[in-house]
């Protein structure tokens, strides 16, 4: 059982795993593709290195650099928004001060 808060975000980001991501994605109606995993793994690495969730612009740049995607691809992968879906599936706590996505 994945422990989440009332909005569906992990209570403890250290409990994240690929299986947890699949479960959270399923709750959001998303089937994870290689492109989703590219974004999620970048986000997790950023969190590990900086101890904060990456701003959406960093993920957009990463996808553009490594996948050749357009800037808005992140919003196609996670149509209900970066904070609402990408951060949630990546196992991050809900960013409190962001209004992106």
N, C-alpha and C. Protein backbone atom coordinates (compact mmCIF):
# COMPACT_ATOMS: atom_id res chain seq x y z
N UNK A 1 0.84 -1.19 0.00
CA UNK A 1 0.00 0.00 0.00
C UNK A 1 0.88 1.24 0.00
N UNK A 2 0.65 2.11 -0.95
CA UNK A 2 1.41 3.35 -1.06
C UNK A 2 0.79 4.38 -0.12
N UNK A 3 1.64 4.96 0.75
CA UNK A 3 1.15 5.97 1.70
C UNK A 3 1.20 7.34 1.04
N UNK A 4 -0.01 7.92 0.84
CA UNK A 4 -0.11 9.24 0.23
C UNK A 4 -0.90 10.18 1.13
N UNK A 5 -0.75 11.47 0.85
CA UNK A 5 -1.55 12.45 1.57
C UNK A 5 -2.94 12.53 0.93
N UNK A 6 -3.76 13.45 1.36
CA UNK A 6 -5.13 13.54 0.86
C UNK A 6 -5.22 13.93 -0.61
N UNK A 7 -4.13 14.50 -1.16
CA UNK A 7 -4.11 14.88 -2.57
C UNK A 7 -3.46 13.80 -3.45
N UNK A 8 -2.95 12.74 -2.83
CA UNK A 8 -2.36 11.64 -3.59
C UNK A 8 -0.86 11.70 -3.76
N UNK A 9 -0.19 12.62 -3.06
CA UNK A 9 1.28 12.72 -3.12
C UNK A 9 1.88 11.81 -2.05
N UNK A 10 3.04 11.23 -2.36
CA UNK A 10 3.71 10.39 -1.37
C UNK A 10 4.00 11.18 -0.10
N UNK A 11 3.77 10.55 1.01
CA UNK A 11 4.10 11.18 2.30
C UNK A 11 5.61 11.20 2.48
N UNK A 12 6.27 10.11 2.10
CA UNK A 12 7.73 10.01 2.23
C UNK A 12 8.31 9.71 0.85
N UNK A 13 8.94 10.70 0.19
CA UNK A 13 9.51 10.49 -1.14
C UNK A 13 10.53 9.35 -1.20
N UNK A 14 11.12 8.98 -0.06
CA UNK A 14 12.09 7.88 -0.04
C UNK A 14 11.42 6.53 -0.31
N UNK A 15 10.09 6.46 -0.19
CA UNK A 15 9.37 5.23 -0.45
C UNK A 15 9.10 5.01 -1.94
N UNK A 16 9.53 5.94 -2.80
CA UNK A 16 9.29 5.84 -4.23
C UNK A 16 10.07 4.68 -4.83
N UNK A 17 9.46 4.01 -5.76
CA UNK A 17 10.10 2.98 -6.58
C UNK A 17 9.38 2.99 -7.92
N UNK A 18 9.89 2.24 -8.87
CA UNK A 18 9.21 2.17 -10.16
C UNK A 18 7.82 1.55 -10.02
N UNK A 19 7.67 0.58 -9.12
CA UNK A 19 6.35 0.01 -8.89
C UNK A 19 5.39 1.04 -8.31
N UNK A 20 5.89 1.86 -7.38
CA UNK A 20 5.07 2.94 -6.82
C UNK A 20 4.67 3.91 -7.93
N UNK A 21 5.62 4.25 -8.80
CA UNK A 21 5.32 5.17 -9.91
C UNK A 21 4.22 4.59 -10.80
N UNK A 22 4.31 3.30 -11.09
CA UNK A 22 3.27 2.67 -11.91
C UNK A 22 1.90 2.75 -11.24
N UNK A 23 1.87 2.51 -9.94
CA UNK A 23 0.61 2.59 -9.22
C UNK A 23 0.05 4.01 -9.23
N UNK A 24 0.91 5.00 -8.95
CA UNK A 24 0.46 6.39 -8.95
C UNK A 24 0.02 6.83 -10.34
N UNK A 25 0.74 6.38 -11.36
CA UNK A 25 0.37 6.71 -12.73
C UNK A 25 -0.99 6.11 -13.08
N UNK A 26 -1.20 4.87 -12.66
CA UNK A 26 -2.49 4.23 -12.90
C UNK A 26 -3.63 5.01 -12.29
N UNK A 27 -3.41 5.53 -11.11
CA UNK A 27 -4.44 6.35 -10.45
C UNK A 27 -4.76 7.61 -11.26
N UNK A 28 -3.76 8.07 -12.02
CA UNK A 28 -3.93 9.27 -12.85
C UNK A 28 -4.38 8.92 -14.27
N UNK A 29 -4.55 7.63 -14.56
CA UNK A 29 -4.96 7.22 -15.90
C UNK A 29 -3.85 7.28 -16.93
N UNK A 30 -2.60 7.18 -16.47
CA UNK A 30 -1.44 7.27 -17.36
C UNK A 30 -0.73 5.92 -17.42
N UNK A 31 -0.46 5.46 -18.64
CA UNK A 31 0.38 4.29 -18.85
C UNK A 31 1.78 4.82 -19.16
N UNK A 32 2.74 4.47 -18.35
CA UNK A 32 4.09 5.03 -18.48
C UNK A 32 4.83 4.46 -19.68
N UNK A 33 5.36 5.36 -20.50
CA UNK A 33 6.17 5.01 -21.66
C UNK A 33 7.64 5.31 -21.34
N UNK A 34 8.52 4.98 -22.27
CA UNK A 34 9.94 5.30 -22.10
C UNK A 34 10.14 6.81 -21.90
N UNK A 35 9.35 7.60 -22.59
CA UNK A 35 9.48 9.05 -22.47
C UNK A 35 9.05 9.54 -21.08
N UNK A 36 8.00 8.95 -20.54
CA UNK A 36 7.60 9.27 -19.17
C UNK A 36 8.74 8.92 -18.21
N UNK A 37 9.30 7.72 -18.38
CA UNK A 37 10.38 7.28 -17.49
C UNK A 37 11.59 8.20 -17.58
N UNK A 38 11.89 8.70 -18.78
CA UNK A 38 13.01 9.64 -18.94
C UNK A 38 12.79 10.87 -18.05
N UNK A 39 11.59 11.40 -18.08
CA UNK A 39 11.27 12.58 -17.26
C UNK A 39 11.31 12.22 -15.78
N UNK A 40 10.68 11.11 -15.40
CA UNK A 40 10.61 10.73 -13.99
C UNK A 40 11.99 10.43 -13.40
N UNK A 41 12.81 9.74 -14.14
CA UNK A 41 14.16 9.42 -13.62
C UNK A 41 15.01 10.67 -13.50
N UNK A 42 14.87 11.60 -14.44
CA UNK A 42 15.57 12.88 -14.32
C UNK A 42 15.11 13.61 -13.06
N UNK A 43 13.81 13.64 -12.85
CA UNK A 43 13.25 14.33 -11.68
C UNK A 43 13.77 13.71 -10.38
N UNK A 44 13.83 12.38 -10.33
CA UNK A 44 14.32 11.70 -9.13
C UNK A 44 15.80 11.98 -8.90
N UNK A 45 16.59 11.99 -9.97
CA UNK A 45 18.02 12.29 -9.84
C UNK A 45 18.22 13.72 -9.36
N UNK A 46 17.42 14.63 -9.88
CA UNK A 46 17.50 16.03 -9.47
C UNK A 46 17.15 16.16 -7.99
N UNK A 47 16.09 15.48 -7.57
CA UNK A 47 15.70 15.49 -6.16
C UNK A 47 16.82 14.95 -5.27
N UNK A 48 17.43 13.85 -5.68
CA UNK A 48 18.53 13.27 -4.90
C UNK A 48 19.71 14.23 -4.78
N UNK A 49 20.01 14.91 -5.88
CA UNK A 49 21.17 15.81 -5.89
C UNK A 49 20.91 17.13 -5.17
N UNK A 50 19.72 17.71 -5.34
CA UNK A 50 19.45 19.06 -4.83
C UNK A 50 18.51 19.10 -3.63
N UNK A 51 17.91 17.97 -3.31
CA UNK A 51 16.97 17.86 -2.18
C UNK A 51 15.69 18.69 -2.36
N UNK A 52 15.39 19.06 -3.59
CA UNK A 52 14.14 19.73 -3.93
C UNK A 52 13.65 19.19 -5.28
N UNK A 53 12.37 19.33 -5.52
CA UNK A 53 11.82 18.94 -6.81
C UNK A 53 12.30 19.92 -7.88
N UNK A 54 12.62 19.43 -9.07
CA UNK A 54 13.06 20.35 -10.12
C UNK A 54 11.90 21.19 -10.63
N UNK A 55 12.22 22.42 -10.98
CA UNK A 55 11.24 23.27 -11.63
C UNK A 55 10.95 22.67 -13.01
N UNK A 56 9.76 22.88 -13.50
CA UNK A 56 9.35 22.29 -14.78
C UNK A 56 10.30 22.66 -15.91
N UNK A 57 10.89 23.84 -15.89
CA UNK A 57 11.77 24.25 -16.99
C UNK A 57 12.99 23.35 -17.10
N UNK A 58 13.47 22.79 -15.97
CA UNK A 58 14.61 21.88 -16.01
C UNK A 58 14.23 20.56 -16.68
N UNK A 59 13.04 20.10 -16.41
CA UNK A 59 12.57 18.85 -17.03
C UNK A 59 12.31 19.07 -18.51
N UNK A 60 11.75 20.20 -18.86
CA UNK A 60 11.52 20.53 -20.26
C UNK A 60 12.84 20.56 -21.03
N UNK A 61 13.85 21.18 -20.46
CA UNK A 61 15.17 21.25 -21.10
C UNK A 61 15.78 19.86 -21.23
N UNK A 62 15.65 19.06 -20.19
CA UNK A 62 16.20 17.71 -20.25
C UNK A 62 15.55 16.91 -21.38
N UNK A 63 14.24 16.94 -21.47
CA UNK A 63 13.55 16.20 -22.54
C UNK A 63 13.95 16.74 -23.91
N UNK A 64 14.09 18.04 -24.04
CA UNK A 64 14.50 18.63 -25.32
C UNK A 64 15.91 18.19 -25.69
N UNK A 65 16.82 18.20 -24.70
CA UNK A 65 18.21 17.83 -24.96
C UNK A 65 18.37 16.35 -25.28
N UNK A 66 17.66 15.48 -24.56
CA UNK A 66 17.88 14.05 -24.69
C UNK A 66 16.87 13.34 -25.58
N UNK A 67 15.75 13.96 -25.85
CA UNK A 67 14.72 13.34 -26.68
C UNK A 67 14.40 14.17 -27.91
N UNK A 68 14.89 15.40 -27.95
CA UNK A 68 14.59 16.27 -29.08
C UNK A 68 13.14 16.72 -29.13
N UNK A 69 12.50 16.75 -27.98
CA UNK A 69 11.09 17.12 -27.93
C UNK A 69 10.92 18.63 -27.83
N UNK A 70 9.73 19.09 -28.11
CA UNK A 70 9.39 20.50 -27.95
C UNK A 70 9.20 20.84 -26.49
N UNK A 71 9.18 22.12 -26.21
CA UNK A 71 9.08 22.59 -24.82
C UNK A 71 7.81 22.13 -24.12
N UNK A 72 6.73 21.96 -24.84
CA UNK A 72 5.46 21.60 -24.22
C UNK A 72 5.24 20.10 -24.09
N UNK A 73 6.21 19.31 -24.47
CA UNK A 73 6.03 17.86 -24.42
C UNK A 73 5.69 17.37 -23.02
N UNK A 74 6.25 17.96 -22.01
CA UNK A 74 5.97 17.54 -20.63
C UNK A 74 4.48 17.61 -20.34
N UNK A 75 3.80 18.60 -20.93
CA UNK A 75 2.36 18.77 -20.70
C UNK A 75 1.53 17.82 -21.55
N UNK A 76 2.13 17.27 -22.59
CA UNK A 76 1.47 16.21 -23.36
C UNK A 76 1.59 14.89 -22.61
N UNK A 77 2.75 14.67 -21.99
CA UNK A 77 2.96 13.44 -21.22
C UNK A 77 2.11 13.43 -19.95
N UNK A 78 1.99 14.59 -19.34
CA UNK A 78 1.24 14.74 -18.09
C UNK A 78 0.19 15.83 -18.31
N UNK A 79 -0.93 15.48 -18.95
CA UNK A 79 -1.89 16.49 -19.41
C UNK A 79 -2.58 17.29 -18.32
N UNK A 80 -2.60 16.80 -17.10
CA UNK A 80 -3.23 17.57 -16.03
C UNK A 80 -2.21 18.40 -15.26
N UNK A 81 -1.00 18.51 -15.82
CA UNK A 81 -0.02 19.44 -15.27
C UNK A 81 1.18 18.78 -14.62
N UNK A 82 2.23 19.56 -14.61
CA UNK A 82 3.50 19.11 -14.05
C UNK A 82 3.39 18.80 -12.57
N UNK A 83 2.82 19.71 -11.80
CA UNK A 83 2.70 19.48 -10.35
C UNK A 83 1.66 18.41 -10.07
N UNK A 84 0.52 18.50 -10.72
CA UNK A 84 -0.59 17.58 -10.45
C UNK A 84 -0.26 16.13 -10.81
N UNK A 85 0.51 15.92 -11.88
CA UNK A 85 0.76 14.54 -12.29
C UNK A 85 2.24 14.16 -12.25
N UNK A 86 3.11 14.91 -12.90
CA UNK A 86 4.52 14.51 -12.97
C UNK A 86 5.16 14.44 -11.59
N UNK A 87 5.00 15.49 -10.80
CA UNK A 87 5.58 15.49 -9.45
C UNK A 87 4.98 14.39 -8.59
N UNK A 88 3.70 14.18 -8.74
CA UNK A 88 3.02 13.15 -7.95
C UNK A 88 3.56 11.76 -8.32
N UNK A 89 3.64 11.45 -9.60
CA UNK A 89 4.09 10.14 -10.06
C UNK A 89 5.57 9.94 -9.75
N UNK A 90 6.35 11.03 -9.77
CA UNK A 90 7.78 10.95 -9.45
C UNK A 90 8.03 10.81 -7.95
N UNK A 91 6.96 10.82 -7.17
CA UNK A 91 7.09 10.59 -5.74
C UNK A 91 7.54 11.79 -4.94
N UNK A 92 7.27 12.97 -5.44
CA UNK A 92 7.66 14.18 -4.74
C UNK A 92 6.52 14.65 -3.85
N UNK A 93 6.87 15.37 -2.82
CA UNK A 93 5.84 16.05 -2.05
C UNK A 93 5.31 17.18 -2.92
N UNK A 94 4.07 17.58 -2.67
CA UNK A 94 3.49 18.64 -3.48
C UNK A 94 4.28 19.92 -3.27
N UNK A 95 4.83 20.47 -4.38
CA UNK A 95 5.52 21.77 -4.25
C UNK A 95 4.52 22.83 -3.83
N UNK A 96 4.79 23.53 -2.76
CA UNK A 96 3.83 24.47 -2.17
C UNK A 96 3.77 25.81 -2.86
N UNK A 97 4.87 26.30 -3.41
CA UNK A 97 4.89 27.66 -3.92
C UNK A 97 4.75 27.74 -5.44
N UNK A 98 4.60 26.62 -6.11
CA UNK A 98 4.57 26.65 -7.57
C UNK A 98 3.16 26.81 -8.10
N UNK A 99 3.08 27.46 -9.23
CA UNK A 99 1.80 27.55 -9.92
C UNK A 99 1.91 26.94 -11.31
N UNK A 100 3.03 26.27 -11.62
CA UNK A 100 3.22 25.69 -12.95
C UNK A 100 2.43 24.41 -13.07
N UNK A 101 1.59 24.36 -14.08
CA UNK A 101 0.84 23.14 -14.37
C UNK A 101 -0.14 22.88 -13.36
